[in-house]
Amino acid sequence: MQTEAKYIVLDIEGTICPISFVKDELFPFFLKQLPNYLDKYSFPLKDSNESMDDIEKILIQFPNEANQSKDLLIEYINDLVNRDIKDPVLKQLQGFIWENG
C-alpha cells in the first residue's frame, strides 16, 4: 500500500539552511523591516469587528500591554528575538515578513 504525504513540515534552522543564516541574516532582516510594517497601524491595537489585515490579525495576538504603542511592541518583539524565544505569534509574524521580503 502506497501512502501519499499531504503535508511536509520543515524546520528551517539547520535543516534547509545553516543556523548562522537565520541568526545573521533572517533575524536582522525581520527586525529592520518590522517598524515599516507597524507604521500603518494605530495604537493601541484593539481586536475589532472591523476587517483586519493579515498582519493586524497576528499583532493583536501579542499581549495587550505590548500593543499599547508601536515602540512598546517593537521593544517586546526585539526582546523575544534577542532571547530566541520560540513564540508562535512571533514565528507567524516573522514568516509573513520573510515571505514578503
N, C-alpha and C. Protein backbone atom coordinates (compact mmCIF):
# COMPACT_ATOMS: atom_id res chain seq x y z
N MET A 1 0.83 -1.15 0.00
CA MET A 1 0.00 0.00 0.00
C MET A 1 0.90 1.25 0.00
N GLN A 2 0.62 2.16 -0.91
CA GLN A 2 1.40 3.39 -1.05
C GLN A 2 0.67 4.53 -0.32
N THR A 3 1.42 5.27 0.47
CA THR A 3 0.85 6.41 1.20
C THR A 3 1.41 7.69 0.61
N GLU A 4 0.52 8.62 0.32
CA GLU A 4 0.95 9.92 -0.20
C GLU A 4 0.92 10.94 0.93
N ALA A 5 1.98 11.73 0.99
CA ALA A 5 2.04 12.78 2.01
C ALA A 5 1.21 13.97 1.56
N LYS A 6 0.42 14.46 2.48
CA LYS A 6 -0.38 15.64 2.18
C LYS A 6 0.38 16.90 2.59
N TYR A 7 1.15 16.81 3.68
CA TYR A 7 1.92 17.94 4.18
C TYR A 7 3.33 17.50 4.51
N ILE A 8 4.26 18.44 4.38
CA ILE A 8 5.64 18.21 4.78
C ILE A 8 6.02 19.37 5.69
N VAL A 9 6.53 19.07 6.86
CA VAL A 9 6.95 20.09 7.81
C VAL A 9 8.47 20.16 7.79
N LEU A 10 8.99 21.36 7.57
CA LEU A 10 10.43 21.56 7.58
C LEU A 10 10.83 22.48 8.72
N ASP A 11 11.92 22.16 9.36
CA ASP A 11 12.49 23.02 10.39
C ASP A 11 13.62 23.78 9.71
N ILE A 12 13.48 25.10 9.59
CA ILE A 12 14.41 25.89 8.80
C ILE A 12 15.82 25.88 9.39
N GLU A 13 15.95 26.03 10.73
CA GLU A 13 17.26 26.17 11.34
C GLU A 13 18.04 24.86 11.29
N GLY A 14 19.10 24.86 10.51
CA GLY A 14 19.98 23.72 10.41
C GLY A 14 19.49 22.62 9.49
N THR A 15 18.29 22.76 8.96
CA THR A 15 17.74 21.73 8.07
C THR A 15 17.82 22.17 6.61
N ILE A 16 17.23 23.31 6.30
CA ILE A 16 17.28 23.77 4.91
C ILE A 16 18.23 24.95 4.72
N CYS A 17 18.78 25.46 5.81
CA CYS A 17 19.83 26.48 5.74
C CYS A 17 20.60 26.45 7.06
N PRO A 18 21.82 26.95 7.04
CA PRO A 18 22.62 26.95 8.28
C PRO A 18 21.99 27.82 9.36
N ILE A 19 22.18 27.44 10.61
CA ILE A 19 21.67 28.23 11.72
C ILE A 19 22.23 29.64 11.67
N SER A 20 23.47 29.79 11.26
CA SER A 20 24.09 31.11 11.19
C SER A 20 23.34 32.03 10.22
N PHE A 21 22.77 31.48 9.15
CA PHE A 21 22.00 32.29 8.20
C PHE A 21 20.75 32.86 8.87
N VAL A 22 20.10 32.06 9.68
CA VAL A 22 18.90 32.50 10.38
C VAL A 22 19.26 33.64 11.34
N LYS A 23 20.29 33.44 12.14
CA LYS A 23 20.66 34.44 13.15
C LYS A 23 21.34 35.66 12.55
N ASP A 24 22.12 35.48 11.50
CA ASP A 24 22.88 36.60 10.93
C ASP A 24 22.15 37.34 9.81
N GLU A 25 21.20 36.69 9.17
CA GLU A 25 20.51 37.31 8.03
C GLU A 25 19.01 37.49 8.26
N LEU A 26 18.32 36.40 8.59
CA LEU A 26 16.86 36.46 8.68
C LEU A 26 16.37 37.28 9.87
N PHE A 27 16.94 37.06 11.07
CA PHE A 27 16.50 37.82 12.23
C PHE A 27 16.75 39.31 12.05
N PRO A 28 17.97 39.75 11.64
CA PRO A 28 18.19 41.18 11.42
C PRO A 28 17.29 41.77 10.34
N PHE A 29 17.04 41.02 9.27
CA PHE A 29 16.14 41.50 8.22
C PHE A 29 14.75 41.75 8.80
N PHE A 30 14.26 40.80 9.57
CA PHE A 30 12.95 40.92 10.19
C PHE A 30 12.88 42.17 11.08
N LEU A 31 13.88 42.34 11.96
CA LEU A 31 13.86 43.48 12.88
C LEU A 31 13.97 44.81 12.15
N LYS A 32 14.69 44.83 11.05
CA LYS A 32 14.83 46.07 10.26
C LYS A 32 13.51 46.41 9.56
N GLN A 33 12.79 45.41 9.08
CA GLN A 33 11.54 45.63 8.35
C GLN A 33 10.35 45.90 9.27
N LEU A 34 10.41 45.41 10.49
CA LEU A 34 9.28 45.48 11.41
C LEU A 34 8.70 46.89 11.57
N PRO A 35 9.50 47.93 11.84
CA PRO A 35 8.90 49.26 12.02
C PRO A 35 8.09 49.73 10.81
N ASN A 36 8.55 49.40 9.61
CA ASN A 36 7.81 49.79 8.40
C ASN A 36 6.43 49.13 8.36
N TYR A 37 6.36 47.89 8.78
CA TYR A 37 5.07 47.18 8.80
C TYR A 37 4.14 47.76 9.86
N LEU A 38 4.71 48.20 10.97
CA LEU A 38 3.89 48.71 12.07
C LEU A 38 3.41 50.15 11.84
N ASP A 39 4.06 50.86 10.94
CA ASP A 39 3.73 52.27 10.68
C ASP A 39 2.27 52.49 10.28
N LYS A 40 1.65 51.51 9.66
CA LYS A 40 0.30 51.75 9.15
C LYS A 40 -0.81 51.48 10.16
N TYR A 41 -0.43 51.14 11.39
CA TYR A 41 -1.44 50.82 12.40
C TYR A 41 -1.54 51.91 13.45
N SER A 42 -2.73 52.07 13.98
CA SER A 42 -2.97 52.99 15.09
C SER A 42 -2.90 52.21 16.38
N PHE A 43 -2.20 52.78 17.33
CA PHE A 43 -2.04 52.14 18.64
C PHE A 43 -2.82 52.93 19.67
N PRO A 44 -3.33 52.26 20.70
CA PRO A 44 -3.17 50.84 20.99
C PRO A 44 -3.98 49.98 20.03
N LEU A 45 -3.43 48.80 19.73
CA LEU A 45 -4.13 47.87 18.85
C LEU A 45 -5.29 47.25 19.62
N LYS A 46 -6.40 47.11 18.95
CA LYS A 46 -7.58 46.52 19.57
C LYS A 46 -8.20 45.52 18.62
N ASP A 47 -8.64 44.42 19.18
CA ASP A 47 -9.37 43.42 18.41
C ASP A 47 -10.74 44.02 18.09
N SER A 48 -11.01 44.18 16.82
CA SER A 48 -12.27 44.82 16.44
C SER A 48 -13.07 43.91 15.52
N ASN A 49 -14.32 44.27 15.37
CA ASN A 49 -15.17 43.53 14.44
C ASN A 49 -14.93 43.99 13.01
N GLU A 50 -14.19 45.10 12.87
CA GLU A 50 -13.88 45.59 11.53
C GLU A 50 -12.89 44.65 10.86
N SER A 51 -12.82 44.75 9.58
CA SER A 51 -11.91 43.91 8.82
C SER A 51 -10.46 44.25 9.17
N MET A 52 -9.72 43.25 9.61
CA MET A 52 -8.31 43.43 9.91
C MET A 52 -7.50 42.71 8.84
N ASP A 53 -6.34 43.29 8.48
CA ASP A 53 -5.49 42.61 7.51
C ASP A 53 -4.70 41.49 8.20
N ASP A 54 -3.94 40.74 7.42
CA ASP A 54 -3.23 39.58 7.95
C ASP A 54 -2.24 39.93 9.06
N ILE A 55 -1.51 41.02 8.88
CA ILE A 55 -0.54 41.42 9.90
C ILE A 55 -1.25 41.81 11.20
N GLU A 56 -2.30 42.59 11.09
CA GLU A 56 -3.00 43.02 12.29
C GLU A 56 -3.60 41.82 13.05
N LYS A 57 -4.05 40.82 12.32
CA LYS A 57 -4.57 39.61 12.95
C LYS A 57 -3.48 38.89 13.75
N ILE A 58 -2.25 39.00 13.29
CA ILE A 58 -1.12 38.42 14.02
C ILE A 58 -0.77 39.31 15.21
N LEU A 59 -0.62 40.62 14.96
CA LEU A 59 -0.18 41.54 16.01
C LEU A 59 -1.11 41.55 17.21
N ILE A 60 -2.39 41.43 16.98
CA ILE A 60 -3.37 41.50 18.06
C ILE A 60 -3.23 40.31 19.02
N GLN A 61 -2.50 39.29 18.61
CA GLN A 61 -2.29 38.11 19.45
C GLN A 61 -1.18 38.32 20.48
N PHE A 62 -0.35 39.36 20.30
CA PHE A 62 0.67 39.66 21.30
C PHE A 62 -0.03 40.19 22.55
N PRO A 63 0.62 40.16 23.70
CA PRO A 63 -0.02 40.64 24.94
C PRO A 63 -0.51 42.08 24.80
N ASN A 64 -1.63 42.34 25.43
CA ASN A 64 -2.26 43.66 25.36
C ASN A 64 -1.29 44.77 25.77
N GLU A 65 -0.50 44.53 26.81
CA GLU A 65 0.43 45.56 27.27
C GLU A 65 1.50 45.88 26.23
N ALA A 66 1.83 44.95 25.36
CA ALA A 66 2.80 45.21 24.30
C ALA A 66 2.17 45.97 23.14
N ASN A 67 0.87 45.88 22.99
CA ASN A 67 0.16 46.51 21.88
C ASN A 67 -0.30 47.94 22.17
N GLN A 68 0.19 48.53 23.23
CA GLN A 68 -0.24 49.88 23.60
C GLN A 68 0.39 50.97 22.73
N SER A 69 1.59 50.69 22.19
CA SER A 69 2.25 51.65 21.30
C SER A 69 3.18 50.90 20.37
N LYS A 70 3.53 51.56 19.29
CA LYS A 70 4.47 50.97 18.33
C LYS A 70 5.80 50.69 19.02
N ASP A 71 6.28 51.65 19.81
CA ASP A 71 7.57 51.47 20.49
C ASP A 71 7.55 50.31 21.47
N LEU A 72 6.47 50.17 22.23
CA LEU A 72 6.37 49.05 23.17
C LEU A 72 6.34 47.72 22.43
N LEU A 73 5.63 47.67 21.32
CA LEU A 73 5.54 46.43 20.56
C LEU A 73 6.89 46.07 19.95
N ILE A 74 7.59 47.06 19.41
CA ILE A 74 8.93 46.80 18.87
C ILE A 74 9.87 46.32 19.97
N GLU A 75 9.80 46.95 21.12
CA GLU A 75 10.64 46.55 22.26
C GLU A 75 10.34 45.11 22.67
N TYR A 76 9.06 44.77 22.75
CA TYR A 76 8.63 43.42 23.13
C TYR A 76 9.13 42.39 22.11
N ILE A 77 8.93 42.68 20.84
CA ILE A 77 9.34 41.75 19.79
C ILE A 77 10.85 41.62 19.73
N ASN A 78 11.57 42.73 19.87
CA ASN A 78 13.04 42.68 19.90
C ASN A 78 13.53 41.79 21.04
N ASP A 79 12.88 41.90 22.19
CA ASP A 79 13.26 41.07 23.33
C ASP A 79 13.06 39.59 23.03
N LEU A 80 11.92 39.25 22.42
CA LEU A 80 11.68 37.85 22.05
C LEU A 80 12.74 37.34 21.09
N VAL A 81 13.06 38.14 20.08
CA VAL A 81 14.06 37.73 19.08
C VAL A 81 15.43 37.60 19.72
N ASN A 82 15.83 38.59 20.51
CA ASN A 82 17.16 38.58 21.13
C ASN A 82 17.35 37.41 22.09
N ARG A 83 16.26 37.00 22.73
CA ARG A 83 16.34 35.86 23.64
C ARG A 83 16.04 34.54 22.92
N ASP A 84 15.79 34.61 21.61
CA ASP A 84 15.50 33.44 20.79
C ASP A 84 14.32 32.63 21.34
N ILE A 85 13.27 33.36 21.73
CA ILE A 85 12.05 32.74 22.26
C ILE A 85 11.25 32.19 21.09
N LYS A 86 10.81 30.97 21.23
CA LYS A 86 10.04 30.29 20.17
C LYS A 86 8.54 30.56 20.34
N ASP A 87 8.18 31.83 20.31
CA ASP A 87 6.79 32.25 20.47
C ASP A 87 6.05 32.02 19.15
N PRO A 88 4.91 31.31 19.17
CA PRO A 88 4.20 31.02 17.92
C PRO A 88 3.70 32.27 17.19
N VAL A 89 3.32 33.31 17.94
CA VAL A 89 2.86 34.54 17.30
C VAL A 89 4.03 35.23 16.62
N LEU A 90 5.17 35.27 17.29
CA LEU A 90 6.38 35.84 16.70
C LEU A 90 6.75 35.09 15.42
N LYS A 91 6.69 33.77 15.46
CA LYS A 91 7.05 32.96 14.29
C LYS A 91 6.10 33.24 13.12
N GLN A 92 4.81 33.44 13.41
CA GLN A 92 3.87 33.80 12.34
C GLN A 92 4.26 35.13 11.70
N LEU A 93 4.57 36.11 12.54
CA LEU A 93 4.93 37.43 12.05
C LEU A 93 6.23 37.39 11.27
N GLN A 94 7.22 36.68 11.79
CA GLN A 94 8.48 36.55 11.06
C GLN A 94 8.25 35.90 9.71
N GLY A 95 7.50 34.83 9.69
CA GLY A 95 7.23 34.14 8.43
C GLY A 95 6.55 35.03 7.42
N PHE A 96 5.61 35.83 7.86
CA PHE A 96 4.91 36.76 6.96
C PHE A 96 5.88 37.78 6.38
N ILE A 97 6.70 38.38 7.23
CA ILE A 97 7.65 39.40 6.78
C ILE A 97 8.71 38.79 5.90
N TRP A 98 9.22 37.61 6.25
CA TRP A 98 10.23 36.94 5.41
C TRP A 98 9.65 36.60 4.05
N GLU A 99 8.43 36.08 4.04
CA GLU A 99 7.80 35.70 2.77
C GLU A 99 7.62 36.92 1.86
N ASN A 100 7.26 38.05 2.44
CA ASN A 100 7.05 39.25 1.66
C ASN A 100 8.33 40.01 1.35
N GLY A 101 9.43 39.59 1.98
CA GLY A 101 10.72 40.27 1.77
C GLY A 101 11.47 39.64 0.64
